[in-house]
Amino acid sequence: MKKIWILFCILIAVDLQAVTITDMFNAIKKQPTTKIDEISSKMAKVAQDRVNAGYYPVVNLFGNYTHYNSPTNLLPLDPKVAGALIARHEPLPFSNTKEVVGIQASMPLFVRELKDLSQKAKYLAKSAELKKRLNFYQNEAVILGSNASLEYLDSLIRSLNATKKSLIKTKENLQVSVDAGRTPGIAIDKIDEGINRIDIAINSVEIKKSTLLSNIENLTGLEIKKPAKMELISEVKSGDIFALKPLIQVINASMSDYKAAKAKRYYPKVAFNVMWSENYAQNDSNLGQSVHRGYGYYQLGVQMPLYNRGEDVDMQLKQIAIMKNRMKLKKSEMELKMQIKSLQSSLTLLDKSSKLKKKNIQKNVDLLKYAKVAFNEGRMREEDYMGYEDKLLSAKTSYYETISQKWQDIAKLAVIYGNDLKEIVR
């Protein structure tokens, strides 16, 4: 008794350690596919910062050393300085070498397209974030669908084994009759043929199970031995079609891109520039000594576009791209609305169907009991008896398939509406 209790506790402990459907959902976050989406989203946000950097000044230090093949003036001199040197009969500063160090800065004061380009980057960052969430929900749906299929195949194997066990028992009873000479030996062969067909079916199901397990492990990184038990804890929350939101943001980005191109084509650019340099000449050719002069300027510049055929064509292409994306959005919206309608109708019918099929299983169980009695008493042929075994197996298969289809439809609907399956299934 003590050994049985210990074994019972071990089995409970093993079951508690089994991977749950929530574990699978959480494991998706750690996989490379999700990490890639996170990096893409982060890159889109950094791209927005890159555009906004256009509002900031650009500051550079510079320096150079130049050697000329003939004496060259050190730098432009203002008239007063040049005049004073000439009046004193002093030579102007010329040298074969010149060394310059300085600082230069440029500050945009008005660049109209920056606002639209920043808005474009904002929309693209939002689209990348929504796409990351949509991909995650889709991966959850794949996990849920695969797990539901795995449950279906496990149930199918149990049913096949139950049918096989029933046939083996029937064969044992039939063997007594064959040995006694009351039944021809071909009856055993027919039962064996049925058992063999079941073995083939079980092997085929095991192959499908292996593929599903591999798919789940690939998405989660978890080693799965059996399907996780699932329970519906909440209905799918309807509302806006979440699956369309990434594309909507892409369209918004395209419109901002067009506005930016238009602003670049028709609006002036205003910038402020400033520069200061220190200029040095060693062994001035005229003065015979080193010379040092400071030189600088500040500048307010305006650039007004007048004509650029290439930019006009670019604007036309951007308008066409917007029209194309809007048509894609309209097409996707129509398709998704039809899919929602189909899934909602399907779920209602599947609920009704599962109840009916469950009753059908019980009826076939009862019929098989009567068939066994009739067959053992010699009032039924082997073919007819095998038909009852097949009908029960078919009824069970159909029921499990309906349950699996229901889970998959729930997963599809959740993705369309942007529901996290962790809040719907446990």
Protein backbone atom coordinates (compact mmCIF):
# COMPACT_ATOMS: atom_id res chain seq x y z
CA MET A 1 0.00 0.00 0.00
CA LYS A 2 2.87 2.31 0.91
CA LYS A 3 4.56 1.67 -2.47
CA ILE A 4 1.35 2.48 -4.34
CA TRP A 5 1.03 5.77 -2.42
CA ILE A 6 4.65 6.73 -3.22
CA LEU A 7 4.09 5.93 -6.90
CA PHE A 8 0.93 8.03 -6.88
CA CYS A 9 2.82 11.01 -5.41
CA ILE A 10 5.57 10.65 -8.03
CA LEU A 11 3.02 10.66 -10.83
CA ILE A 12 1.39 13.80 -9.43
CA ALA A 13 4.79 15.52 -9.17
CA VAL A 14 5.65 14.64 -12.77
CA ASP A 15 2.28 15.93 -13.96
CA LEU A 16 2.75 19.20 -12.05
CA GLN A 17 6.07 19.71 -13.83
CA ALA A 18 4.52 19.20 -17.28
CA VAL A 19 4.74 22.16 -19.66
CA THR A 20 1.53 24.23 -19.62
CA ILE A 21 0.09 26.22 -22.52
CA THR A 22 0.99 29.42 -20.60
CA ASP A 23 4.60 28.20 -20.37
CA MET A 24 4.61 27.79 -24.14
CA PHE A 25 3.22 31.31 -24.70
CA ASN A 26 5.79 32.84 -22.34
CA ALA A 27 8.63 30.90 -23.98
CA ILE A 28 7.90 32.57 -27.36
CA LYS A 29 9.23 35.87 -25.97
CA LYS A 30 12.69 34.36 -25.47
CA GLN A 31 13.03 32.98 -28.99
CA PRO A 32 15.05 34.61 -31.83
CA THR A 33 11.92 35.29 -33.91
CA THR A 34 10.48 37.53 -31.20
CA LYS A 35 13.89 39.09 -30.47
CA ILE A 36 14.24 40.03 -34.15
CA ASP A 37 10.84 41.78 -34.03
CA GLU A 38 11.92 43.63 -30.87
CA ILE A 39 15.13 44.79 -32.56
CA SER A 40 13.18 45.92 -35.65
CA SER A 41 10.85 47.94 -33.41
CA LYS A 42 13.82 49.49 -31.60
CA MET A 43 15.47 50.37 -34.93
CA ALA A 44 12.28 52.14 -36.06
CA LYS A 45 12.29 54.25 -32.88
CA VAL A 46 15.96 55.14 -33.37
CA ALA A 47 15.15 56.11 -36.98
CA GLN A 48 12.70 58.67 -35.58
CA ASP A 49 15.47 60.11 -33.38
CA ARG A 50 17.69 60.26 -36.45
CA VAL A 51 15.17 62.46 -38.26
CA ASN A 52 14.71 64.70 -35.22
CA ALA A 53 18.48 65.14 -35.10
CA GLY A 54 18.02 67.41 -38.13
CA TYR A 55 16.72 70.14 -35.77
CA TYR A 56 20.05 70.27 -33.92
CA PRO A 57 23.18 72.21 -34.93
CA VAL A 58 26.15 70.49 -36.50
CA VAL A 59 29.51 71.51 -35.01
CA ASN A 60 32.90 70.51 -36.42
CA LEU A 61 36.50 71.18 -35.55
CA PHE A 62 38.82 71.35 -38.53
CA GLY A 63 42.50 71.71 -39.24
CA ASN A 64 44.77 71.46 -42.23
CA TYR A 65 48.34 71.92 -43.40
CA THR A 66 48.84 73.21 -46.95
CA HIS A 67 52.05 73.63 -48.96
CA TYR A 68 51.98 75.70 -52.17
CA ASN A 69 54.52 75.65 -55.04
CA SER A 70 54.68 79.45 -54.94
CA PRO A 71 54.04 82.02 -52.18
CA THR A 72 50.33 82.49 -51.53
CA ASN A 73 48.46 85.02 -49.40
CA LEU A 74 47.77 83.82 -45.90
CA LEU A 75 44.12 84.93 -45.88
CA PRO A 76 41.91 87.72 -47.18
CA LEU A 77 42.75 91.06 -45.51
CA ASP A 78 40.20 93.79 -44.98
CA PRO A 79 40.92 97.05 -46.91
CA LYS A 80 42.04 99.01 -43.84
CA VAL A 81 44.69 96.48 -42.84
CA ALA A 82 45.88 96.03 -46.42
CA GLY A 83 45.92 99.81 -46.96
CA ALA A 84 47.89 100.40 -43.77
CA LEU A 85 50.51 97.86 -44.76
CA ILE A 86 50.86 99.37 -48.23
CA ALA A 87 51.05 102.91 -46.78
CA ARG A 88 53.91 101.86 -44.55
CA HIS A 89 55.55 100.17 -47.52
CA GLU A 90 55.24 96.87 -45.72
CA PRO A 91 54.69 93.67 -47.71
CA LEU A 92 51.45 91.70 -47.49
CA PRO A 93 51.70 88.25 -45.74
CA PHE A 94 52.57 85.53 -48.28
CA SER A 95 53.91 82.05 -47.60
CA ASN A 96 54.53 78.66 -49.20
CA THR A 97 52.94 76.85 -46.23
CA LYS A 98 49.80 77.54 -44.27
CA GLU A 99 48.42 75.88 -41.12
CA VAL A 100 44.76 76.35 -40.17
CA VAL A 101 42.72 75.24 -37.14
CA GLY A 102 39.18 76.29 -36.44
CA ILE A 103 35.57 75.54 -35.61
CA GLN A 104 32.50 75.57 -37.83
CA ALA A 105 28.82 75.29 -36.91
CA SER A 106 25.59 75.15 -38.86
CA MET A 107 22.12 75.53 -37.36
CA PRO A 108 18.88 74.91 -39.32
CA LEU A 109 16.34 77.63 -38.58
CA PHE A 110 13.55 76.55 -40.92
CA VAL A 111 13.37 73.21 -42.77
CA ARG A 112 9.70 72.48 -43.39
CA GLU A 113 10.06 68.82 -44.43
CA LEU A 114 11.69 67.84 -41.12
CA LYS A 115 8.32 68.02 -39.37
CA ASP A 116 6.71 65.64 -41.87
CA LEU A 117 9.72 63.31 -41.96
CA SER A 118 9.61 63.13 -38.15
CA GLN A 119 5.91 62.29 -38.32
CA LYS A 120 6.65 59.63 -40.95
CA ALA A 121 9.28 58.04 -38.70
CA LYS A 122 6.81 58.14 -35.79
CA TYR A 123 4.18 56.27 -37.82
CA LEU A 124 6.73 53.68 -38.99
CA ALA A 125 7.89 53.14 -35.39
CA LYS A 126 4.27 52.62 -34.36
CA SER A 127 3.73 50.23 -37.27
CA ALA A 128 6.82 48.22 -36.25
CA GLU A 129 5.57 48.00 -32.67
CA LEU A 130 2.12 46.85 -33.81
CA LYS A 131 3.69 44.37 -36.23
CA LYS A 132 5.78 42.97 -33.37
CA ARG A 133 2.63 42.42 -31.29
CA LEU A 134 0.75 40.92 -34.26
CA ASN A 135 3.60 38.49 -34.96
CA PHE A 136 3.62 37.47 -31.30
CA TYR A 137 -0.14 36.85 -31.32
CA GLN A 138 0.23 34.85 -34.54
CA ASN A 139 2.94 32.71 -32.94
CA GLU A 140 0.66 32.16 -29.94
CA ALA A 141 -2.08 31.07 -32.35
CA VAL A 142 0.31 28.63 -34.06
CA ILE A 143 1.21 27.17 -30.66
CA LEU A 144 -2.44 26.88 -29.64
CA GLY A 145 -3.41 25.32 -32.97
CA SER A 146 -0.49 22.88 -32.87
CA ASN A 147 -1.29 21.92 -29.28
CA ALA A 148 -4.96 21.40 -30.19
CA SER A 149 -3.92 19.20 -33.12
CA LEU A 150 -1.60 17.32 -30.78
CA GLU A 151 -4.48 16.73 -28.36
CA TYR A 152 -6.58 15.50 -31.26
CA LEU A 153 -3.89 13.06 -32.37
CA ASP A 154 -3.34 11.83 -28.80
CA SER A 155 -7.08 11.23 -28.43
CA LEU A 156 -7.10 9.48 -31.79
CA ILE A 157 -4.26 7.17 -30.69
CA ARG A 158 -6.15 6.35 -27.49
CA SER A 159 -9.24 5.51 -29.53
CA LEU A 160 -7.22 3.40 -31.96
CA ASN A 161 -5.62 1.52 -29.07
CA ALA A 162 -9.05 1.00 -27.48
CA THR A 163 -10.35 -0.41 -30.76
CA LYS A 164 -7.25 -2.59 -31.08
CA LYS A 165 -7.74 -3.87 -27.51
CA SER A 166 -11.36 -4.63 -28.29
CA LEU A 167 -10.39 -6.53 -31.44
CA ILE A 168 -7.72 -8.52 -29.59
CA LYS A 169 -10.28 -9.50 -26.97
CA THR A 170 -12.70 -10.50 -29.71
CA LYS A 171 -9.95 -12.50 -31.39
CA GLU A 172 -9.22 -14.38 -28.15
CA ASN A 173 -12.89 -15.31 -27.77
CA LEU A 174 -13.10 -16.23 -31.45
CA GLN A 175 -10.01 -18.44 -31.20
CA VAL A 176 -11.84 -20.74 -28.81
CA SER A 177 -14.62 -21.19 -31.35
CA VAL A 178 -12.11 -21.76 -34.20
CA ASP A 179 -10.19 -24.33 -32.15
CA ALA A 180 -13.46 -26.12 -31.41
CA GLY A 181 -14.22 -26.26 -35.15
CA ARG A 182 -17.39 -24.20 -34.87
CA THR A 183 -15.95 -21.22 -36.81
CA PRO A 184 -13.72 -21.22 -39.90
CA GLY A 185 -10.16 -19.99 -39.43
CA ILE A 186 -10.64 -17.17 -41.95
CA ALA A 187 -12.57 -15.30 -39.25
CA ILE A 188 -9.28 -14.90 -37.30
CA ASP A 189 -7.57 -13.60 -40.45
CA LYS A 190 -10.21 -10.91 -40.87
CA ILE A 191 -9.73 -9.77 -37.26
CA ASP A 192 -5.95 -9.76 -37.76
CA GLU A 193 -6.38 -7.64 -40.87
CA GLY A 194 -8.38 -5.12 -38.83
CA ILE A 195 -5.71 -5.05 -36.10
CA ASN A 196 -3.01 -4.52 -38.74
CA ARG A 197 -4.92 -1.59 -40.24
CA ILE A 198 -5.09 -0.01 -36.78
CA ASP A 199 -1.34 -0.47 -36.27
CA ILE A 200 -0.71 1.28 -39.60
CA ALA A 201 -3.03 4.13 -38.59
CA ILE A 202 -1.29 4.51 -35.20
CA ASN A 203 2.11 4.69 -36.88
CA SER A 204 0.84 7.32 -39.31
CA VAL A 205 -0.54 9.41 -36.42
CA GLU A 206 2.76 9.12 -34.54
CA ILE A 207 4.56 10.61 -37.56
CA LYS A 208 2.17 13.57 -37.56
CA LYS A 209 2.67 13.97 -33.81
CA SER A 210 6.43 14.10 -34.29
CA THR A 211 6.08 16.94 -36.80
CA LEU A 212 3.80 18.93 -34.49
CA LEU A 213 6.10 18.44 -31.51
CA SER A 214 9.01 19.67 -33.62
CA ASN A 215 7.04 22.79 -34.66
CA ILE A 216 6.16 23.62 -31.06
CA GLU A 217 9.72 23.09 -29.86
CA ASN A 218 11.00 25.28 -32.71
CA LEU A 219 8.75 28.18 -31.64
CA THR A 220 9.18 27.80 -27.88
CA GLY A 221 12.57 26.18 -27.36
CA LEU A 222 10.87 23.81 -24.90
CA GLU A 223 11.08 20.04 -25.03
CA ILE A 224 7.49 18.86 -25.30
CA LYS A 225 6.52 15.27 -24.50
CA LYS A 226 2.75 15.58 -24.66
CA PRO A 227 0.10 18.22 -25.36
CA ALA A 228 -0.71 20.73 -22.65
CA LYS A 229 -4.21 20.66 -21.22
CA MET A 230 -6.25 23.71 -22.20
CA GLU A 231 -9.21 25.49 -20.68
CA LEU A 232 -11.15 28.42 -22.13
CA ILE A 233 -11.29 31.13 -19.43
CA SER A 234 -12.57 34.06 -21.49
CA GLU A 235 -14.26 34.81 -24.78
CA VAL A 236 -12.40 36.64 -27.57
CA LYS A 237 -12.95 40.40 -27.16
CA SER A 238 -14.20 41.93 -30.38
CA GLY A 239 -13.64 45.53 -31.47
CA ASP A 240 -11.38 47.17 -34.03
CA ILE A 241 -9.60 44.82 -36.40
CA PHE A 242 -6.13 44.82 -34.89
CA ALA A 243 -4.57 42.96 -37.82
CA LEU A 244 -5.13 46.07 -40.01
CA LYS A 245 -3.42 48.54 -37.67
CA PRO A 246 0.19 48.03 -38.87
CA LEU A 247 -0.89 48.73 -42.46
CA ILE A 248 -2.88 51.81 -41.37
CA GLN A 249 0.27 53.22 -39.79
CA VAL A 250 2.24 52.47 -42.98
CA ILE A 251 -0.34 54.47 -44.97
CA ASN A 252 -0.07 57.35 -42.49
CA ALA A 253 3.71 57.22 -42.92
CA SER A 254 3.33 57.30 -46.71
CA MET A 255 1.14 60.40 -46.46
CA SER A 256 3.70 62.14 -44.25
CA ASP A 257 6.41 61.13 -46.72
CA TYR A 258 4.43 62.77 -49.53
CA LYS A 259 3.97 65.95 -47.45
CA ALA A 260 7.71 66.02 -46.76
CA ALA A 261 8.48 65.71 -50.48
CA LYS A 262 6.02 68.53 -51.20
CA ALA A 263 7.57 70.73 -48.51
CA LYS A 264 11.05 70.07 -49.89
CA ARG A 265 9.84 71.03 -53.36
CA TYR A 266 8.03 74.29 -52.50
CA TYR A 267 9.32 75.63 -49.16
CA PRO A 268 12.57 77.57 -48.60
CA LYS A 269 15.29 76.41 -46.20
CA VAL A 270 16.85 78.84 -43.76
CA ALA A 271 20.10 78.09 -41.93
CA PHE A 272 22.61 79.95 -39.77
CA ASN A 273 26.32 79.24 -40.28
CA VAL A 274 29.31 80.43 -38.28
CA MET A 275 33.04 79.79 -38.64
CA TRP A 276 36.26 80.93 -36.95
CA SER A 277 39.78 79.86 -37.87
CA GLU A 278 43.29 80.55 -36.69
CA ASN A 279 45.75 80.78 -39.60
CA TYR A 280 49.50 80.35 -39.24
CA ALA A 281 52.35 80.82 -41.75
CA GLN A 282 55.95 79.81 -41.01
CA ASN A 283 58.76 81.95 -42.49
CA ASP A 284 56.63 84.37 -44.47
CA SER A 285 58.34 84.87 -47.86
CA ASN A 286 57.98 88.63 -47.71
CA LEU A 287 58.30 89.36 -44.00
CA GLY A 288 60.78 86.64 -43.19
CA GLN A 289 58.95 85.76 -39.97
CA SER A 290 56.02 83.71 -38.75
CA VAL A 291 52.55 85.23 -39.16
CA HIS A 292 49.33 84.50 -37.21
CA ARG A 293 45.94 85.80 -38.26
CA GLY A 294 42.40 85.09 -37.01
CA TYR A 295 39.58 84.91 -39.51
CA GLY A 296 35.84 84.20 -39.20
CA TYR A 297 32.32 84.89 -40.35
CA TYR A 298 28.64 84.28 -39.56
CA GLN A 299 26.07 83.75 -42.26
CA LEU A 300 22.29 83.63 -42.57
CA GLY A 301 21.45 81.62 -45.66
CA VAL A 302 18.18 81.05 -47.54
CA GLN A 303 17.70 78.44 -50.25
CA MET A 304 14.51 78.56 -52.33
CA PRO A 305 13.70 75.66 -54.73
CA LEU A 306 12.47 76.84 -58.14
CA TYR A 307 12.43 73.84 -60.46
CA ASN A 308 13.29 70.16 -60.05
CA ARG A 309 11.56 67.74 -62.40
CA GLY A 310 12.92 64.70 -60.55
CA GLU A 311 11.28 65.75 -57.29
CA ASP A 312 7.98 66.37 -59.11
CA VAL A 313 8.06 62.78 -60.40
CA ASP A 314 8.96 61.49 -56.92
CA MET A 315 5.83 63.19 -55.54
CA GLN A 316 3.69 61.47 -58.17
CA LEU A 317 5.20 58.09 -57.28
CA LYS A 318 4.50 58.67 -53.57
CA GLN A 319 0.86 59.54 -54.35
CA ILE A 320 0.48 56.32 -56.35
CA ALA A 321 2.02 54.34 -53.48
CA ILE A 322 -0.53 55.83 -51.09
CA MET A 323 -3.39 54.86 -53.43
CA LYS A 324 -2.01 51.32 -53.72
CA ASN A 325 -1.71 50.90 -49.94
CA ARG A 326 -5.24 52.22 -49.43
CA MET A 327 -6.55 49.62 -51.88
CA LYS A 328 -4.59 46.92 -50.04
CA LEU A 329 -6.12 48.12 -46.78
CA LYS A 330 -9.63 48.04 -48.23
CA LYS A 331 -9.06 44.55 -49.67
CA SER A 332 -7.64 43.24 -46.37
CA GLU A 333 -10.50 44.79 -44.42
CA MET A 334 -13.09 43.09 -46.62
CA GLU A 335 -11.31 39.74 -46.36
CA LEU A 336 -10.90 39.94 -42.59
CA LYS A 337 -14.54 40.95 -42.05
CA MET A 338 -15.64 37.94 -44.10
CA GLN A 339 -13.24 35.74 -42.13
CA ILE A 340 -14.61 37.06 -38.82
CA LYS A 341 -18.17 36.34 -39.95
CA SER A 342 -17.15 32.85 -41.07
CA LEU A 343 -15.27 32.07 -37.83
CA GLN A 344 -18.08 33.30 -35.60
CA SER A 345 -20.59 31.20 -37.52
CA SER A 346 -18.23 28.23 -37.45
CA LEU A 347 -17.75 28.45 -33.67
CA THR A 348 -21.51 28.43 -33.09
CA LEU A 349 -21.93 25.39 -35.34
CA LEU A 350 -18.93 23.61 -33.80
CA ASP A 351 -20.41 23.99 -30.31
CA LYS A 352 -23.64 22.40 -31.50
CA SER A 353 -21.76 19.76 -33.48
CA SER A 354 -19.54 18.73 -30.54
CA LYS A 355 -22.61 18.08 -28.37
CA LEU A 356 -24.25 15.99 -31.07
CA LYS A 357 -21.07 14.04 -31.80
CA LYS A 358 -20.55 13.32 -28.10
CA LYS A 359 -24.02 11.75 -28.00
CA ASN A 360 -23.20 9.84 -31.17
CA ILE A 361 -20.14 8.31 -29.48
CA GLN A 362 -22.29 6.96 -26.65
CA LYS A 363 -24.80 5.51 -29.12
CA ASN A 364 -22.01 3.76 -31.02
CA VAL A 365 -20.57 2.42 -27.75
CA ASP A 366 -23.97 0.86 -26.97
CA LEU A 367 -24.33 -0.51 -30.50
CA LEU A 368 -20.86 -2.06 -30.32
CA LYS A 369 -21.82 -3.85 -27.09
CA TYR A 370 -24.83 -5.41 -28.80
CA ALA A 371 -22.72 -6.26 -31.84
CA LYS A 372 -20.14 -8.07 -29.67
CA VAL A 373 -22.86 -10.20 -28.11
CA ALA A 374 -24.39 -10.99 -31.50
CA PHE A 375 -21.00 -11.81 -33.00
CA ASN A 376 -19.96 -14.06 -30.11
CA GLU A 377 -23.25 -15.90 -30.42
CA GLY A 378 -22.67 -16.40 -34.13
CA ARG A 379 -25.59 -14.21 -35.21
CA MET A 380 -23.38 -11.62 -37.00
CA ARG A 381 -20.72 -11.88 -39.67
CA GLU A 382 -17.15 -10.63 -39.12
CA GLU A 383 -17.58 -7.85 -41.70
CA ASP A 384 -20.69 -6.49 -39.95
CA TYR A 385 -19.03 -6.63 -36.54
CA MET A 386 -15.93 -4.84 -37.85
CA GLY A 387 -18.26 -2.17 -39.24
CA TYR A 388 -19.46 -1.35 -35.70
CA GLU A 389 -15.86 -1.07 -34.48
CA ASP A 390 -15.10 1.30 -37.36
CA LYS A 391 -18.20 3.40 -36.69
CA LEU A 392 -17.24 3.95 -33.05
CA LEU A 393 -13.71 4.88 -34.04
CA SER A 394 -15.02 7.22 -36.71
CA ALA A 395 -17.43 8.85 -34.22
CA LYS A 396 -14.61 9.47 -31.74
CA THR A 397 -12.31 10.80 -34.47
CA SER A 398 -14.98 13.19 -35.72
CA TYR A 399 -15.62 14.50 -32.18
CA TYR A 400 -11.93 15.11 -31.41
CA GLU A 401 -11.50 16.79 -34.78
CA THR A 402 -14.36 19.16 -33.98
CA ILE A 403 -12.79 20.13 -30.65
CA SER A 404 -9.44 20.74 -32.35
CA GLN A 405 -11.09 22.88 -35.04
CA LYS A 406 -12.85 24.94 -32.36
CA TRP A 407 -9.53 25.79 -30.67
CA GLN A 408 -7.99 26.76 -34.00
CA ASP A 409 -10.91 29.04 -34.88
CA ILE A 410 -10.66 30.73 -31.47
CA ALA A 411 -6.94 31.32 -32.11
CA LYS A 412 -7.58 32.85 -35.55
CA LEU A 413 -10.27 35.16 -34.19
CA ALA A 414 -7.99 36.24 -31.32
CA VAL A 415 -5.23 37.22 -33.76
CA ILE A 416 -7.59 39.28 -35.93
CA TYR A 417 -8.87 41.24 -32.91
CA GLY A 418 -5.44 41.46 -31.27
CA ASN A 419 -6.26 39.40 -28.17
CA ASP A 420 -3.43 37.92 -26.13
CA LEU A 421 -4.25 34.21 -25.89
CA LYS A 422 -2.80 34.08 -22.37
CA GLU A 423 -5.91 36.00 -21.29
CA ILE A 424 -8.23 33.57 -23.08
CA VAL A 425 -6.70 30.13 -22.57
CA ARG A 426 -4.90 28.50 -19.66
